[in-house]
Amino acid sequence: MTSAGEAPWTVGEVAEWTRLSIRTLHHYDDIGLLVPSERSEANYRLYTPADVTRLYRILTYRDLGFALSEIMRLLSADAAEEQAALALQAALLQEQISQAQARLRAVTSLLNAGRTGEGARSMNKEEMQELFGGFDHTQYEDEVRERWGDTEAYRQSAQRLKSYSPADLERLKQEGAELNAKYVALMEAGVPADNPQAAQVAEAHRAYFHRWFYDCSPEMLRGVSSMWVNDPRFTRNIDKVREGLAAYQHAAVQAWASRQG
């Protein structure tokens, strides 16, 4: 067996260095993600320095949260496409960090209250907004019920929200933040709202509403998106993420929905 300073390397050696399982490396080979460049006389996999460099990129992308299918595409993409994908992922990670920091501040405040002898107490409005993403949905509840209470969409949304566990609600919130981050990344990259990349996010936006709230057609999402720019309260809340985000989301959804027939 070769030493760590010699090449090529066996699958066992690569597994030991990277702390991946041999089964995982075999899987990467089977799907064409990382195919060893050489084989021994006994037909065992042998990895060259170029293979290990590719593996490093794979693991870096994986740690950033990319799916294996997306990693495979990025490894063969041109530099501009790779940079755009990384910029998008960076925006997603930054949004996750911001949300985690806000929740940490709220929880730390409660912990400090207990340690100083105040005991358990209810969170104030600012802490509630930090913990739940800064949007006080309860202030619109009566208005929403009055305007849409007799609609099937309202009934579906109310029923689904009542059935969700805390973990479900956290996933709902996280997916919403990821959608915002994708829009922001496109804005920062100067991608027009009617670009196919923006259309993909708009379609994901429709799927998000459809999955979590109510049966959402392209035409329904087009109508919902109008509130993002016509109701100052929605505009202010969305634009807390980034100035101009509400208008960009609206334009992206309108352009995408118009192409759905």
Protein backbone atom coordinates (compact mmCIF):
# COMPACT_ATOMS: atom_id res chain seq x y z
CA MET A 1 0.00 0.00 0.00
CA THR A 2 1.25 3.50 -0.84
CA SER A 3 1.96 6.08 1.82
CA ALA A 4 0.11 9.38 2.23
CA GLY A 5 2.86 11.17 0.31
CA GLU A 6 2.63 8.98 -2.79
CA ALA A 7 0.12 8.88 -5.61
CA PRO A 8 -2.12 7.36 -6.74
CA TRP A 9 -4.04 6.50 -3.58
CA THR A 10 -6.41 3.69 -2.78
CA VAL A 11 -10.03 4.18 -1.84
CA GLY A 12 -9.19 3.18 1.73
CA GLU A 13 -6.51 5.84 2.04
CA VAL A 14 -8.77 8.55 0.63
CA ALA A 15 -11.57 7.45 2.96
CA GLU A 16 -9.21 7.68 5.94
CA TRP A 17 -8.00 11.20 5.10
CA THR A 18 -11.43 12.63 4.35
CA ARG A 19 -13.34 10.63 6.99
CA LEU A 20 -15.76 9.55 4.30
CA SER A 21 -16.91 5.98 4.19
CA ILE A 22 -15.66 3.72 1.42
CA ARG A 23 -19.31 3.17 0.56
CA THR A 24 -19.74 6.91 -0.03
CA LEU A 25 -16.73 7.02 -2.35
CA HIS A 26 -18.10 4.02 -4.23
CA HIS A 27 -21.42 5.84 -4.55
CA TYR A 28 -19.72 8.94 -5.94
CA ASP A 29 -18.06 6.69 -8.51
CA ASP A 30 -21.32 4.93 -9.40
CA ILE A 31 -23.17 8.20 -10.10
CA GLY A 32 -20.26 9.72 -12.02
CA LEU A 33 -19.53 12.44 -9.48
CA LEU A 34 -16.00 11.25 -8.69
CA VAL A 35 -14.66 8.54 -10.96
CA PRO A 36 -11.08 7.49 -10.06
CA SER A 37 -8.70 8.13 -12.94
CA GLU A 38 -6.74 4.91 -12.49
CA ARG A 39 -7.19 1.25 -11.63
CA SER A 40 -4.73 -1.23 -10.15
CA GLU A 41 -3.85 -4.50 -11.84
CA ALA A 42 -6.48 -6.11 -9.64
CA ASN A 43 -9.00 -3.47 -10.82
CA TYR A 44 -9.09 -1.56 -7.53
CA ARG A 45 -9.89 2.16 -7.61
CA LEU A 46 -6.88 4.49 -7.52
CA TYR A 47 -7.16 8.24 -6.99
CA THR A 48 -4.77 10.76 -8.54
CA PRO A 49 -4.01 14.25 -7.14
CA ALA A 50 -6.52 15.66 -9.66
CA ASP A 51 -9.17 13.29 -8.32
CA VAL A 52 -8.49 14.38 -4.75
CA THR A 53 -8.69 18.03 -5.78
CA ARG A 54 -12.09 17.34 -7.34
CA LEU A 55 -13.15 15.56 -4.15
CA TYR A 56 -12.17 18.62 -2.12
CA ARG A 57 -14.45 20.77 -4.26
CA ILE A 58 -17.25 18.22 -3.88
CA LEU A 59 -16.95 18.24 -0.10
CA THR A 60 -16.79 22.02 -0.01
CA TYR A 61 -20.01 22.28 -2.01
CA ARG A 62 -21.62 19.60 0.12
CA ASP A 63 -20.73 21.48 3.32
CA LEU A 64 -22.36 24.57 1.80
CA GLY A 65 -25.60 22.64 1.43
CA PHE A 66 -25.61 21.84 -2.30
CA ALA A 67 -27.33 18.63 -3.42
CA LEU A 68 -25.15 16.05 -5.18
CA SER A 69 -26.99 16.61 -8.47
CA GLU A 70 -26.29 20.34 -8.23
CA ILE A 71 -22.64 19.69 -7.34
CA MET A 72 -22.26 17.54 -10.43
CA ARG A 73 -23.67 20.34 -12.56
CA LEU A 74 -21.44 22.97 -10.96
CA LEU A 75 -18.28 20.94 -11.50
CA SER A 76 -18.85 21.08 -15.24
CA ALA A 77 -20.24 24.65 -15.32
CA ASP A 78 -18.36 27.69 -16.54
CA ALA A 79 -16.85 30.14 -14.08
CA ALA A 80 -19.72 32.65 -14.32
CA GLU A 81 -22.37 30.06 -13.53
CA GLU A 82 -20.33 28.69 -10.65
CA GLN A 83 -19.87 32.19 -9.22
CA ALA A 84 -23.60 32.88 -9.48
CA ALA A 85 -24.42 29.67 -7.63
CA LEU A 86 -21.91 30.44 -4.90
CA ALA A 87 -23.25 33.99 -4.53
CA LEU A 88 -26.74 32.59 -4.13
CA GLN A 89 -25.61 30.09 -1.53
CA ALA A 90 -23.70 32.79 0.33
CA ALA A 91 -26.88 34.87 0.50
CA LEU A 92 -28.79 31.88 1.86
CA LEU A 93 -26.18 31.25 4.52
CA GLN A 94 -26.08 34.91 5.52
CA GLU A 95 -29.85 34.95 5.93
CA GLN A 96 -29.69 31.80 8.07
CA ILE A 97 -26.98 33.41 10.23
CA SER A 98 -29.05 36.58 10.66
CA GLN A 99 -32.11 34.62 11.70
CA ALA A 100 -30.13 32.45 14.11
CA GLN A 101 -28.56 35.53 15.71
CA ALA A 102 -31.97 37.14 16.18
CA ARG A 103 -33.37 34.02 17.81
CA LEU A 104 -30.28 33.74 19.99
CA ARG A 105 -30.78 37.29 21.26
CA ALA A 106 -34.39 36.53 22.17
CA VAL A 107 -33.55 33.26 23.94
CA THR A 108 -30.56 34.81 25.73
CA SER A 109 -32.81 37.54 27.06
CA LEU A 110 -35.10 34.93 28.57
CA LEU A 111 -32.16 33.01 30.05
CA ASN A 112 -30.74 36.15 31.62
CA ALA A 113 -34.11 36.94 33.17
CA GLY A 114 -34.12 33.54 34.85
CA ARG A 115 -30.55 33.88 36.10
CA THR A 116 -31.19 37.29 37.64
CA GLY A 117 -34.14 36.00 39.61
CA GLU A 118 -36.92 37.41 37.46
CA GLY A 119 -38.12 33.90 36.78
CA ALA A 120 -40.20 32.82 33.83
CA ARG A 121 -41.91 35.67 32.02
CA SER A 122 -43.71 36.35 28.78
CA MET A 123 -41.69 37.70 25.87
CA ASN A 124 -42.26 41.32 24.94
CA LYS A 125 -43.22 42.37 21.42
CA GLU A 126 -39.64 43.02 20.30
CA GLU A 127 -38.49 39.60 21.49
CA MET A 128 -41.46 37.93 19.80
CA GLN A 129 -40.63 39.65 16.52
CA GLU A 130 -36.98 38.60 16.73
CA LEU A 131 -37.87 35.02 17.59
CA PHE A 132 -40.44 34.73 14.83
CA GLY A 133 -38.63 36.59 12.09
CA GLY A 134 -39.72 40.19 12.66
CA PHE A 135 -43.27 39.91 11.24
CA ASP A 136 -46.21 40.37 13.59
CA HIS A 137 -48.84 38.49 11.59
CA THR A 138 -51.47 38.83 14.33
CA GLN A 139 -52.00 42.51 13.55
CA TYR A 140 -53.53 41.48 10.20
CA GLU A 141 -55.53 38.49 11.40
CA ASP A 142 -58.90 40.27 11.75
CA GLU A 143 -58.50 42.02 8.41
CA VAL A 144 -57.52 38.80 6.65
CA ARG A 145 -60.52 36.98 8.10
CA GLU A 146 -62.85 39.80 7.03
CA ARG A 147 -61.51 40.00 3.49
CA TRP A 148 -60.94 36.32 2.72
CA GLY A 149 -62.67 34.35 5.47
CA ASP A 150 -65.27 32.92 3.08
CA THR A 151 -62.72 31.71 0.53
CA GLU A 152 -61.45 28.19 0.13
CA ALA A 153 -57.87 29.47 0.25
CA TYR A 154 -58.45 31.00 3.69
CA ARG A 155 -60.07 27.82 4.99
CA GLN A 156 -57.21 25.69 3.66
CA SER A 157 -54.58 27.98 5.12
CA ALA A 158 -56.25 28.17 8.54
CA GLN A 159 -56.69 24.42 8.70
CA ARG A 160 -53.11 23.66 7.67
CA LEU A 161 -51.56 26.17 10.06
CA LYS A 162 -53.50 24.71 12.99
CA SER A 163 -52.16 21.25 12.18
CA TYR A 164 -48.48 22.22 12.03
CA SER A 165 -46.06 21.30 14.80
CA PRO A 166 -43.39 23.75 16.02
CA ALA A 167 -40.90 21.90 13.80
CA ASP A 168 -43.22 22.33 10.81
CA LEU A 169 -43.53 26.05 11.49
CA GLU A 170 -39.76 26.37 11.74
CA ARG A 171 -39.37 24.66 8.34
CA LEU A 172 -42.05 26.92 6.87
CA LYS A 173 -40.20 29.98 8.13
CA GLN A 174 -36.84 28.67 6.96
CA GLU A 175 -38.10 27.98 3.44
CA GLY A 176 -39.55 31.48 3.29
CA ALA A 177 -36.19 32.94 4.31
CA GLU A 178 -34.43 30.86 1.67
CA LEU A 179 -36.79 32.17 -1.01
CA ASN A 180 -36.04 35.74 0.04
CA ALA A 181 -32.32 35.03 -0.04
CA LYS A 182 -32.57 33.63 -3.57
CA TYR A 183 -34.35 36.74 -4.77
CA VAL A 184 -31.78 38.95 -3.03
CA ALA A 185 -28.88 37.06 -4.61
CA LEU A 186 -30.40 37.60 -8.05
CA MET A 187 -30.88 41.29 -7.30
CA GLU A 188 -27.29 41.65 -6.12
CA ALA A 189 -26.09 39.92 -9.29
CA GLY A 190 -28.13 42.32 -11.45
CA VAL A 191 -30.38 39.59 -12.87
CA PRO A 192 -33.56 41.10 -14.38
CA ALA A 193 -36.86 40.05 -12.80
CA ASP A 194 -38.04 38.55 -16.10
CA ASN A 195 -34.90 36.41 -16.47
CA PRO A 196 -35.31 32.58 -16.46
CA GLN A 197 -33.33 32.42 -13.20
CA ALA A 198 -35.88 34.69 -11.53
CA ALA A 199 -38.67 32.63 -13.06
CA GLN A 200 -37.30 29.54 -11.32
CA VAL A 201 -37.50 31.29 -7.95
CA ALA A 202 -41.01 32.54 -8.72
CA GLU A 203 -42.08 28.98 -9.49
CA ALA A 204 -40.52 27.87 -6.20
CA HIS A 205 -42.48 30.67 -4.53
CA ARG A 206 -45.73 29.30 -5.93
CA ALA A 207 -44.78 25.80 -4.78
CA TYR A 208 -44.05 27.20 -1.31
CA PHE A 209 -47.53 28.70 -1.01
CA HIS A 210 -49.09 25.57 -2.50
CA ARG A 211 -47.26 23.28 -0.07
CA TRP A 212 -47.70 25.22 3.14
CA PHE A 213 -50.85 27.33 2.83
CA TYR A 214 -53.37 26.62 0.07
CA ASP A 215 -53.79 25.36 -3.49
CA CYS A 216 -51.99 28.11 -5.36
CA SER A 217 -52.28 28.55 -9.11
CA PRO A 218 -50.03 30.93 -11.08
CA GLU A 219 -52.96 33.33 -11.39
CA MET A 220 -53.57 33.27 -7.65
CA LEU A 221 -49.93 33.98 -6.90
CA ARG A 222 -50.05 36.85 -9.40
CA GLY A 223 -52.91 38.34 -7.39
CA VAL A 224 -51.18 37.77 -4.05
CA SER A 225 -48.00 39.40 -5.33
CA SER A 226 -49.91 42.60 -6.06
CA MET A 227 -50.36 43.11 -2.32
CA TRP A 228 -46.59 43.11 -1.91
CA VAL A 229 -46.37 46.43 -3.75
CA ASN A 230 -49.88 47.87 -3.30
CA ASP A 231 -50.10 47.47 0.49
CA PRO A 232 -47.39 49.54 2.21
CA ARG A 233 -47.43 47.24 5.22
CA PHE A 234 -46.42 44.25 3.10
CA THR A 235 -43.88 46.32 1.20
CA ARG A 236 -42.24 47.55 4.41
CA ASN A 237 -42.06 44.07 5.88
CA ILE A 238 -40.58 42.45 2.76
CA ASP A 239 -38.15 45.31 2.21
CA LYS A 240 -36.72 44.76 5.70
CA VAL A 241 -34.73 41.96 4.07
CA ARG A 242 -33.48 44.24 1.32
CA GLU A 243 -34.68 47.56 -0.09
CA GLY A 244 -36.64 46.95 -3.29
CA LEU A 245 -37.20 43.25 -2.63
CA ALA A 246 -41.01 43.52 -2.66
CA ALA A 247 -40.99 45.16 -6.10
CA TYR A 248 -38.51 42.62 -7.44
CA GLN A 249 -40.53 39.66 -6.15
CA HIS A 250 -43.70 41.15 -7.60
CA ALA A 251 -42.09 41.72 -10.99
CA ALA A 252 -40.61 38.20 -11.04
CA VAL A 253 -43.93 36.57 -10.17
CA GLN A 254 -45.85 38.70 -12.69
CA ALA A 255 -43.40 37.85 -15.48
CA TRP A 256 -43.40 34.16 -14.61
CA ALA A 257 -47.19 33.91 -14.23
CA SER A 258 -47.79 35.64 -17.59
CA ARG A 259 -45.84 32.86 -19.30
CA GLN A 260 -47.92 30.10 -17.73
CA GLY A 261 -50.89 30.66 -20.03
